[in-house]
Amino acid sequence: TGAGKSTLVNSLLGAPLTRPGVLRPTTRSPVLVHHPSDE
């Protein structure tokens, strides 16, 4: 808890993909980031 996982992921991607309130719906559940071709 509080280790900064989401901040690290967002920083690696250069976009706040797991930032609370930025995604619809919320990011309380696990977020899986992938290339569009791998969907």
PDB file of all heavy atoms in Angstrom:
ATOM      1  N   THR A   1       0.834  -1.196   0.000  1.00  0.00           N
ATOM      2  CA  THR A   1       0.000   0.000   0.000  1.00  0.00           C
ATOM      3  C   THR A   1       0.876   1.255   0.000  1.00  0.00           C
ATOM      4  O   THR A   1       1.825   1.364   0.775  1.00  0.00           O
ATOM      5  CB  THR A   1      -0.896   0.014   1.252  1.00  0.00           C
ATOM      6  OG1 THR A   1      -1.688  -1.171   1.272  1.00  0.00           O
ATOM      7  CG2 THR A   1      -1.790   1.231   1.271  1.00  0.00           C
ATOM      8  N   GLY A   2       0.552   2.181  -0.899  1.00  0.00           N
ATOM      9  CA  GLY A   2       1.279   3.440  -0.948  1.00  0.00           C
ATOM     10  C   GLY A   2       2.665   3.350  -1.532  1.00  0.00           C
ATOM     11  O   GLY A   2       3.467   4.281  -1.375  1.00  0.00           O
ATOM     12  N   ALA A   3       2.979   2.244  -2.226  1.00  0.00           N
ATOM     13  CA  ALA A   3       4.325   2.091  -2.799  1.00  0.00           C
ATOM     14  C   ALA A   3       4.511   2.929  -4.054  1.00  0.00           C
ATOM     15  O   ALA A   3       5.644   3.131  -4.501  1.00  0.00           O
ATOM     16  CB  ALA A   3       4.603   0.624  -3.106  1.00  0.00           C
ATOM     17  N   GLY A   4       3.423   3.390  -4.646  1.00  0.00           N
ATOM     18  CA  GLY A   4       3.532   4.202  -5.851  1.00  0.00           C
ATOM     19  C   GLY A   4       3.442   3.403  -7.130  1.00  0.00           C
ATOM     20  O   GLY A   4       4.033   3.782  -8.152  1.00  0.00           O
ATOM     21  N   LYS A   5       2.700   2.302  -7.112  1.00  0.00           N
ATOM     22  CA  LYS A   5       2.580   1.449  -8.303  1.00  0.00           C
ATOM     23  C   LYS A   5       1.944   2.197  -9.469  1.00  0.00           C
ATOM     24  O   LYS A   5       2.463   2.188 -10.589  1.00  0.00           O
ATOM     25  CB  LYS A   5       1.755   0.197  -7.967  1.00  0.00           C
ATOM     26  CG  LYS A   5       2.347  -0.670  -6.871  1.00  0.00           C
ATOM     27  CD  LYS A   5       1.514  -1.904  -6.609  1.00  0.00           C
ATOM     28  CE  LYS A   5       0.126  -1.585  -6.110  1.00  0.00           C
ATOM     29  NZ  LYS A   5       0.134  -0.885  -4.812  1.00  0.00           N
ATOM     30  N   SER A   6       0.800   2.817  -9.199  1.00  0.00           N
ATOM     31  CA  SER A   6       0.098   3.524 -10.277  1.00  0.00           C
ATOM     32  C   SER A   6       0.923   4.691 -10.796  1.00  0.00           C
ATOM     33  O   SER A   6       0.968   4.945 -12.011  1.00  0.00           O
ATOM     34  CB  SER A   6      -1.265   4.025  -9.778  1.00  0.00           C
ATOM     35  OG  SER A   6      -2.094   2.938  -9.425  1.00  0.00           O
ATOM     36  N   THR A   7       1.577   5.406  -9.888  1.00  0.00           N
ATOM     37  CA  THR A   7       2.433   6.513 -10.318  1.00  0.00           C
ATOM     38  C   THR A   7       3.565   6.006 -11.200  1.00  0.00           C
ATOM     39  O   THR A   7       3.903   6.628 -12.223  1.00  0.00           O
ATOM     40  CB  THR A   7       3.015   7.234  -9.094  1.00  0.00           C
ATOM     41  OG1 THR A   7       1.939   7.772  -8.316  1.00  0.00           O
ATOM     42  CG2 THR A   7       3.944   8.355  -9.506  1.00  0.00           C
ATOM     43  N   LEU A   8       4.150   4.875 -10.846  1.00  0.00           N
ATOM     44  CA  LEU A   8       5.226   4.299 -11.656  1.00  0.00           C
ATOM     45  C   LEU A   8       4.709   3.906 -13.037  1.00  0.00           C
ATOM     46  O   LEU A   8       5.347   4.208 -14.059  1.00  0.00           O
ATOM     47  CB  LEU A   8       5.809   3.079 -10.941  1.00  0.00           C
ATOM     48  CG  LEU A   8       6.900   2.326 -11.712  1.00  0.00           C
ATOM     49  CD1 LEU A   8       8.127   3.213 -11.912  1.00  0.00           C
ATOM     50  CD2 LEU A   8       7.281   1.036 -10.989  1.00  0.00           C
ATOM     51  N   VAL A   9       3.554   3.241 -13.086  1.00  0.00           N
ATOM     52  CA  VAL A   9       2.994   2.820 -14.379  1.00  0.00           C
ATOM     53  C   VAL A   9       2.710   4.039 -15.244  1.00  0.00           C
ATOM     54  O   VAL A   9       3.070   4.080 -16.438  1.00  0.00           O
ATOM     55  CB  VAL A   9       1.715   1.984 -14.163  1.00  0.00           C
ATOM     56  CG1 VAL A   9       1.001   1.734 -15.497  1.00  0.00           C
ATOM     57  CG2 VAL A   9       2.054   0.652 -13.499  1.00  0.00           C
ATOM     58  N   ASN A  10       2.055   5.040 -14.681  1.00  0.00           N
ATOM     59  CA  ASN A  10       1.755   6.242 -15.455  1.00  0.00           C
ATOM     60  C   ASN A  10       3.030   6.929 -15.935  1.00  0.00           C
ATOM     61  O   ASN A  10       3.101   7.422 -17.073  1.00  0.00           O
ATOM     62  CB  ASN A  10       0.942   7.223 -14.607  1.00  0.00           C
ATOM     63  CG  ASN A  10      -0.458   6.710 -14.320  1.00  0.00           C
ATOM     64  OD1 ASN A  10      -0.979   5.884 -15.060  1.00  0.00           O
ATOM     65  ND2 ASN A  10      -1.057   7.190 -13.240  1.00  0.00           N
ATOM     66  N   SER A  11       4.060   6.946 -15.086  1.00  0.00           N
ATOM     67  CA  SER A  11       5.316   7.601 -15.440  1.00  0.00           C
ATOM     68  C   SER A  11       6.021   6.845 -16.553  1.00  0.00           C
ATOM     69  O   SER A  11       6.667   7.442 -17.427  1.00  0.00           O
ATOM     70  CB  SER A  11       6.222   7.697 -14.208  1.00  0.00           C
ATOM     71  OG  SER A  11       5.601   8.454 -13.185  1.00  0.00           O
ATOM     72  N   LEU A  12       5.939   5.529 -16.546  1.00  0.00           N
ATOM     73  CA  LEU A  12       6.546   4.721 -17.611  1.00  0.00           C
ATOM     74  C   LEU A  12       5.826   4.924 -18.939  1.00  0.00           C
ATOM     75  O   LEU A  12       6.449   4.928 -20.001  1.00  0.00           O
ATOM     76  CB  LEU A  12       6.501   3.239 -17.233  1.00  0.00           C
ATOM     77  CG  LEU A  12       7.427   2.794 -16.089  1.00  0.00           C
ATOM     78  CD1 LEU A  12       7.091   1.373 -15.665  1.00  0.00           C
ATOM     79  CD2 LEU A  12       8.893   2.888 -16.521  1.00  0.00           C
ATOM     80  N   LEU A  13       4.504   5.099 -18.878  1.00  0.00           N
ATOM     81  CA  LEU A  13       3.716   5.232 -20.099  1.00  0.00           C
ATOM     82  C   LEU A  13       3.678   6.667 -20.607  1.00  0.00           C
ATOM     83  O   LEU A  13       3.400   6.897 -21.796  1.00  0.00           O
ATOM     84  CB  LEU A  13       2.289   4.743 -19.841  1.00  0.00           C
ATOM     85  CG  LEU A  13       2.156   3.261 -19.462  1.00  0.00           C
ATOM     86  CD1 LEU A  13       0.749   2.967 -18.989  1.00  0.00           C
ATOM     87  CD2 LEU A  13       2.516   2.369 -20.646  1.00  0.00           C
ATOM     88  N   GLY A  14       3.920   7.615 -19.722  1.00  0.00           N
ATOM     89  CA  GLY A  14       3.826   9.007 -20.130  1.00  0.00           C
ATOM     90  C   GLY A  14       2.399   9.481 -20.250  1.00  0.00           C
ATOM     91  O   GLY A  14       2.110  10.474 -20.925  1.00  0.00           O
ATOM     92  N   ALA A  15       1.489   8.799 -19.600  1.00  0.00           N
ATOM     93  CA  ALA A  15       0.074   9.169 -19.629  1.00  0.00           C
ATOM     94  C   ALA A  15      -0.572   8.644 -18.352  1.00  0.00           C
ATOM     95  O   ALA A  15      -0.260   7.535 -17.911  1.00  0.00           O
ATOM     96  CB  ALA A  15      -0.628   8.590 -20.856  1.00  0.00           C
ATOM     97  N   PRO A  16      -1.462   9.433 -17.751  1.00  0.00           N
ATOM     98  CA  PRO A  16      -2.110   9.014 -16.493  1.00  0.00           C
ATOM     99  C   PRO A  16      -3.205   7.985 -16.726  1.00  0.00           C
ATOM    100  O   PRO A  16      -4.382   8.223 -16.457  1.00  0.00           O
ATOM    101  CB  PRO A  16      -2.666  10.329 -15.946  1.00  0.00           C
ATOM    102  CG  PRO A  16      -2.954  11.143 -17.164  1.00  0.00           C
ATOM    103  CD  PRO A  16      -1.888  10.792 -18.165  1.00  0.00           C
ATOM    104  N   LEU A  17      -2.849   6.804 -17.213  1.00  0.00           N
ATOM    105  CA  LEU A  17      -3.847   5.787 -17.544  1.00  0.00           C
ATOM    106  C   LEU A  17      -4.474   5.151 -16.313  1.00  0.00           C
ATOM    107  O   LEU A  17      -5.572   4.608 -16.384  1.00  0.00           O
ATOM    108  CB  LEU A  17      -3.211   4.697 -18.416  1.00  0.00           C
ATOM    109  CG  LEU A  17      -2.749   5.150 -19.803  1.00  0.00           C
ATOM    110  CD1 LEU A  17      -2.136   3.992 -20.558  1.00  0.00           C
ATOM    111  CD2 LEU A  17      -3.925   5.711 -20.586  1.00  0.00           C
ATOM    112  N   THR A  18      -3.794   5.149 -15.219  1.00  0.00           N
ATOM    113  CA  THR A  18      -4.369   4.530 -14.017  1.00  0.00           C
ATOM    114  C   THR A  18      -4.677   5.562 -12.951  1.00  0.00           C
ATOM    115  O   THR A  18      -4.833   5.225 -11.797  1.00  0.00           O
ATOM    116  CB  THR A  18      -3.404   3.477 -13.439  1.00  0.00           C
ATOM    117  OG1 THR A  18      -2.217   4.134 -12.974  1.00  0.00           O
ATOM    118  CG2 THR A  18      -3.037   2.446 -14.471  1.00  0.00           C
ATOM    119  N   ARG A  19      -4.750   6.811 -13.347  1.00  0.00           N
ATOM    120  CA  ARG A  19      -5.007   7.882 -12.383  1.00  0.00           C
ATOM    121  C   ARG A  19      -6.478   7.912 -11.985  1.00  0.00           C
ATOM    122  O   ARG A  19      -7.358   7.941 -12.845  1.00  0.00           O
ATOM    123  CB  ARG A  19      -4.629   9.220 -13.009  1.00  0.00           C
ATOM    124  CG  ARG A  19      -4.816  10.418 -12.087  1.00  0.00           C
ATOM    125  CD  ARG A  19      -4.393  11.683 -12.813  1.00  0.00           C
ATOM    126  NE  ARG A  19      -4.641  12.867 -12.004  1.00  0.00           N
ATOM    127  CZ  ARG A  19      -4.412  14.107 -12.437  1.00  0.00           C
ATOM    128  NH1 ARG A  19      -3.937  14.300 -13.644  1.00  0.00           N
ATOM    129  NH2 ARG A  19      -4.658  15.133 -11.656  1.00  0.00           N
ATOM    130  N   PRO A  20      -6.794   7.901 -10.698  1.00  0.00           N
ATOM    131  CA  PRO A  20      -8.197   7.951 -10.279  1.00  0.00           C
ATOM    132  C   PRO A  20      -8.894   9.175 -10.844  1.00  0.00           C
ATOM    133  O   PRO A  20      -8.385  10.287 -10.754  1.00  0.00           O
ATOM    134  CB  PRO A  20      -8.115   8.016  -8.747  1.00  0.00           C
ATOM    135  CG  PRO A  20      -6.783   7.403  -8.420  1.00  0.00           C
ATOM    136  CD  PRO A  20      -5.879   7.819  -9.555  1.00  0.00           C
ATOM    137  N   GLY A  21     -10.049   8.934 -11.429  1.00  0.00           N
ATOM    138  CA  GLY A  21     -10.841  10.043 -11.947  1.00  0.00           C
ATOM    139  C   GLY A  21     -10.555  10.367 -13.396  1.00  0.00           C
ATOM    140  O   GLY A  21     -11.336  11.027 -14.038  1.00  0.00           O
ATOM    141  N   VAL A  22      -9.417   9.898 -13.943  1.00  0.00           N
ATOM    142  CA  VAL A  22      -9.095  10.191 -15.334  1.00  0.00           C
ATOM    143  C   VAL A  22      -9.742   9.171 -16.253  1.00  0.00           C
ATOM    144  O   VAL A  22     -10.189   9.482 -17.342  1.00  0.00           O
ATOM    145  CB  VAL A  22      -7.566  10.212 -15.525  1.00  0.00           C
ATOM    146  CG1 VAL A  22      -7.200  10.383 -16.984  1.00  0.00           C
ATOM    147  CG2 VAL A  22      -6.972  11.343 -14.691  1.00  0.00           C
ATOM    148  N   LEU A  23      -9.789   7.929 -15.808  1.00  0.00           N
ATOM    149  CA  LEU A  23     -10.432   6.891 -16.603  1.00  0.00           C
ATOM    150  C   LEU A  23     -11.904   6.807 -16.222  1.00  0.00           C
ATOM    151  O   LEU A  23     -12.288   7.093 -15.107  1.00  0.00           O
ATOM    152  CB  LEU A  23      -9.753   5.544 -16.349  1.00  0.00           C
ATOM    153  CG  LEU A  23      -8.286   5.445 -16.786  1.00  0.00           C
ATOM    154  CD1 LEU A  23      -7.749   4.080 -16.424  1.00  0.00           C
ATOM    155  CD2 LEU A  23      -8.152   5.677 -18.276  1.00  0.00           C
ATOM    156  N   ARG A  24     -12.711   6.418 -17.203  1.00  0.00           N
ATOM    157  CA  ARG A  24     -14.134   6.195 -16.954  1.00  0.00           C
ATOM    158  C   ARG A  24     -14.428   4.726 -17.254  1.00  0.00           C
ATOM    159  O   ARG A  24     -14.187   4.271 -18.362  1.00  0.00           O
ATOM    160  CB  ARG A  24     -14.994   7.080 -17.876  1.00  0.00           C
ATOM    161  CG  ARG A  24     -14.692   8.562 -17.726  1.00  0.00           C
ATOM    162  CD  ARG A  24     -15.120   9.084 -16.359  1.00  0.00           C
ATOM    163  NE  ARG A  24     -14.949  10.515 -16.293  1.00  0.00           N
ATOM    164  CZ  ARG A  24     -13.865  11.100 -15.832  1.00  0.00           C
ATOM    165  NH1 ARG A  24     -12.856  10.385 -15.391  1.00  0.00           N
ATOM    166  NH2 ARG A  24     -13.780  12.405 -15.801  1.00  0.00           N
ATOM    167  N   PRO A  25     -14.911   3.948 -16.259  1.00  0.00           N
ATOM    168  CA  PRO A  25     -15.159   4.320 -14.876  1.00  0.00           C
ATOM    169  C   PRO A  25     -13.874   4.365 -14.064  1.00  0.00           C
ATOM    170  O   PRO A  25     -12.791   4.395 -14.616  1.00  0.00           O
ATOM    171  CB  PRO A  25     -16.088   3.202 -14.384  1.00  0.00           C
ATOM    172  CG  PRO A  25     -15.725   2.030 -15.211  1.00  0.00           C
ATOM    173  CD  PRO A  25     -15.310   2.572 -16.551  1.00  0.00           C
ATOM    174  N   THR A  26     -14.007   4.334 -12.748  1.00  0.00           N
ATOM    175  CA  THR A  26     -12.877   4.578 -11.868  1.00  0.00           C
ATOM    176  C   THR A  26     -11.847   3.465 -11.930  1.00  0.00           C
ATOM    177  O   THR A  26     -12.092   2.407 -12.476  1.00  0.00           O
ATOM    178  CB  THR A  26     -13.362   4.723 -10.426  1.00  0.00           C
ATOM    179  OG1 THR A  26     -13.858   3.466  -9.986  1.00  0.00           O
ATOM    180  CG2 THR A  26     -14.461   5.751 -10.313  1.00  0.00           C
ATOM    181  N   THR A  27     -10.671   3.699 -11.299  1.00  0.00           N
ATOM    182  CA  THR A  27      -9.558   2.765 -11.414  1.00  0.00           C
ATOM    183  C   THR A  27      -9.348   1.934 -10.159  1.00  0.00           C
ATOM    184  O   THR A  27      -8.246   1.507  -9.885  1.00  0.00           O
ATOM    185  CB  THR A  27      -8.265   3.533 -11.718  1.00  0.00           C
ATOM    186  OG1 THR A  27      -8.032   4.458 -10.664  1.00  0.00           O
ATOM    187  CG2 THR A  27      -8.344   4.230 -13.029  1.00  0.00           C
ATOM    188  N   ARG A  28     -10.385   1.761  -9.396  1.00  0.00           N
ATOM    189  CA  ARG A  28     -10.206   0.947  -8.200  1.00  0.00           C
ATOM    190  C   ARG A  28      -9.901  -0.506  -8.562  1.00  0.00           C
ATOM    191  O   ARG A  28      -9.193  -1.196  -7.853  1.00  0.00           O
ATOM    192  CB  ARG A  28     -11.473   1.015  -7.341  1.00  0.00           C
ATOM    193  CG  ARG A  28     -11.342   0.211  -6.050  1.00  0.00           C
ATOM    194  CD  ARG A  28     -12.511   0.441  -5.131  1.00  0.00           C
ATOM    195  NE  ARG A  28     -12.378  -0.330  -3.909  1.00  0.00           N
ATOM    196  CZ  ARG A  28     -13.243  -0.306  -2.921  1.00  0.00           C
ATOM    197  NH1 ARG A  28     -14.297   0.470  -3.007  1.00  0.00           N
ATOM    198  NH2 ARG A  28     -13.061  -1.035  -1.841  1.00  0.00           N
ATOM    199  N   SER A  29     -10.443  -0.983  -9.654  1.00  0.00           N
ATOM    200  CA  SER A  29     -10.169  -2.328 -10.119  1.00  0.00           C
ATOM    201  C   SER A  29      -8.850  -2.347 -10.888  1.00  0.00           C
ATOM    202  O   SER A  29      -8.344  -1.306 -11.304  1.00  0.00           O
ATOM    203  CB  SER A  29     -11.307  -2.818 -11.013  1.00  0.00           C
ATOM    204  OG  SER A  29     -12.461  -3.067 -10.242  1.00  0.00           O
ATOM    205  N   PRO A  30      -8.259  -3.523 -11.099  1.00  0.00           N
ATOM    206  CA  PRO A  30      -6.990  -3.606 -11.817  1.00  0.00           C
ATOM    207  C   PRO A  30      -7.103  -3.067 -13.242  1.00  0.00           C
ATOM    208  O   PRO A  30      -8.105  -3.283 -13.921  1.00  0.00           O
ATOM    209  CB  PRO A  30      -6.670  -5.103 -11.808  1.00  0.00           C
ATOM    210  CG  PRO A  30      -7.976  -5.777 -11.566  1.00  0.00           C
ATOM    211  CD  PRO A  30      -8.741  -4.850 -10.686  1.00  0.00           C
ATOM    212  N   VAL A  31      -6.056  -2.369 -13.660  1.00  0.00           N
ATOM    213  CA  VAL A  31      -6.022  -1.775 -14.995  1.00  0.00           C
ATOM    214  C   VAL A  31      -4.944  -2.474 -15.813  1.00  0.00           C
ATOM    215  O   VAL A  31      -3.797  -2.580 -15.376  1.00  0.00           O
ATOM    216  CB  VAL A  31      -5.735  -0.265 -14.924  1.00  0.00           C
ATOM    217  CG1 VAL A  31      -5.648   0.335 -16.321  1.00  0.00           C
ATOM    218  CG2 VAL A  31      -6.810   0.434 -14.100  1.00  0.00           C
ATOM    219  N   LEU A  32      -5.313  -2.968 -16.971  1.00  0.00           N
ATOM    220  CA  LEU A  32      -4.381  -3.676 -17.839  1.00  0.00           C
ATOM    221  C   LEU A  32      -4.117  -2.811 -19.069  1.00  0.00           C
ATOM    222  O   LEU A  32      -5.024  -2.568 -19.875  1.00  0.00           O
ATOM    223  CB  LEU A  32      -4.948  -5.035 -18.244  1.00  0.00           C
ATOM    224  CG  LEU A  32      -3.979  -6.005 -18.914  1.00  0.00           C
ATOM    225  CD1 LEU A  32      -4.383  -7.446 -18.607  1.00  0.00           C
ATOM    226  CD2 LEU A  32      -3.914  -5.823 -20.420  1.00  0.00           C
ATOM    227  N   VAL A  33      -2.875  -2.335 -19.202  1.00  0.00           N
ATOM    228  CA  VAL A  33      -2.484  -1.475 -20.323  1.00  0.00           C
ATOM    229  C   VAL A  33      -1.796  -2.340 -21.372  1.00  0.00           C
ATOM    230  O   VAL A  33      -0.855  -3.081 -21.063  1.00  0.00           O
ATOM    231  CB  VAL A  33      -1.535  -0.355 -19.853  1.00  0.00           C
ATOM    232  CG1 VAL A  33      -1.216   0.589 -21.004  1.00  0.00           C
ATOM    233  CG2 VAL A  33      -2.157   0.412 -18.689  1.00  0.00           C
ATOM    234  N   HIS A  34      -2.250  -2.238 -22.610  1.00  0.00           N
ATOM    235  CA  HIS A  34      -1.703  -3.070 -23.686  1.00  0.00           C
ATOM    236  C   HIS A  34      -1.700  -2.286 -24.992  1.00  0.00           C
ATOM    237  O   HIS A  34      -2.396  -1.266 -25.128  1.00  0.00           O
ATOM    238  CB  HIS A  34      -2.540  -4.344 -23.851  1.00  0.00           C
ATOM    239  CG  HIS A  34      -3.990  -4.062 -24.156  1.00  0.00           C
ATOM    240  ND1 HIS A  34      -4.458  -3.798 -25.426  1.00  0.00           N
ATOM    241  CD2 HIS A  34      -5.072  -3.970 -23.334  1.00  0.00           C
ATOM    242  CE1 HIS A  34      -5.759  -3.579 -25.394  1.00  0.00           C
ATOM    243  NE2 HIS A  34      -6.158  -3.663 -24.125  1.00  0.00           N
ATOM    244  N   HIS A  35      -0.928  -2.753 -25.935  1.00  0.00           N
ATOM    245  CA  HIS A  35      -0.940  -2.131 -27.263  1.00  0.00           C
ATOM    246  C   HIS A  35      -2.276  -2.456 -27.935  1.00  0.00           C
ATOM    247  O   HIS A  35      -2.821  -3.550 -27.740  1.00  0.00           O
ATOM    248  CB  HIS A  35       0.225  -2.667 -28.096  1.00  0.00           C
ATOM    249  CG  HIS A  35       0.437  -1.891 -29.367  1.00  0.00           C
ATOM    250  ND1 HIS A  35      -0.226  -2.195 -30.540  1.00  0.00           N
ATOM    251  CD2 HIS A  35       1.244  -0.823 -29.641  1.00  0.00           C
ATOM    252  CE1 HIS A  35       0.158  -1.351 -31.484  1.00  0.00           C
ATOM    253  NE2 HIS A  35       1.045  -0.507 -30.964  1.00  0.00           N
ATOM    254  N   PRO A  36      -2.836  -1.523 -28.710  1.00  0.00           N
ATOM    255  CA  PRO A  36      -4.135  -1.794 -29.355  1.00  0.00           C
ATOM    256  C   PRO A  36      -4.164  -3.081 -30.168  1.00  0.00           C
ATOM    257  O   PRO A  36      -5.197  -3.752 -30.236  1.00  0.00           O
ATOM    258  CB  PRO A  36      -4.342  -0.561 -30.242  1.00  0.00           C
ATOM    259  CG  PRO A  36      -3.589   0.530 -29.540  1.00  0.00           C
ATOM    260  CD  PRO A  36      -2.385  -0.128 -28.944  1.00  0.00           C
ATOM    261  N   SER A  37      -3.030  -3.453 -30.778  1.00  0.00           N
ATOM    262  CA  SER A  37      -3.018  -4.670 -31.587  1.00  0.00           C
ATOM    263  C   SER A  37      -3.147  -5.931 -30.745  1.00  0.00           C
ATOM    264  O   SER A  37      -3.470  -7.006 -31.270  1.00  0.00           O
ATOM    265  CB  SER A  37      -1.723  -4.738 -32.411  1.00  0.00           C
ATOM    266  OG  SER A  37      -0.592  -4.841 -31.548  1.00  0.00           O
ATOM    267  N   ASP A  38      -2.901  -5.828 -29.440  1.00  0.00           N
ATOM    268  CA  ASP A  38      -2.982  -7.001 -28.559  1.00  0.00           C
ATOM    269  C   ASP A  38      -4.337  -7.130 -27.869  1.00  0.00           C
ATOM    270  O   ASP A  38      -4.532  -8.045 -27.060  1.00  0.00           O
ATOM    271  CB  ASP A  38      -1.893  -6.924 -27.476  1.00  0.00           C
ATOM    272  CG  ASP A  38      -0.501  -7.134 -28.048  1.00  0.00           C
ATOM    273  OD1 ASP A  38      -0.387  -7.852 -29.055  1.00  0.00           O
ATOM    274  OD2 ASP A  38       0.465  -6.582 -27.476  1.00  0.00           O
ATOM    275  N   GLU A  39      -5.260  -6.242 -28.206  1.00  0.00           N
ATOM    276  CA  GLU A  39      -6.545  -6.258 -27.509  1.00  0.00           C
ATOM    277  C   GLU A  39      -7.284  -7.594 -27.617  1.00  0.00           C
ATOM    278  O   GLU A  39      -7.904  -8.038 -26.639  1.00  0.00           O
ATOM    279  CB  GLU A  39      -7.445  -5.125 -28.016  1.00  0.00           C
ATOM    280  CG  GLU A  39      -8.748  -5.013 -27.233  1.00  0.00           C
ATOM    281  CD  GLU A  39      -9.463  -3.699 -27.484  1.00  0.00           C
ATOM    282  OE1 GLU A  39      -9.015  -2.931 -28.359  1.00  0.00           O
ATOM    283  OE2 GLU A  39     -10.456  -3.424 -26.791  1.00  0.00           O
TER     284      GLU A  39
END
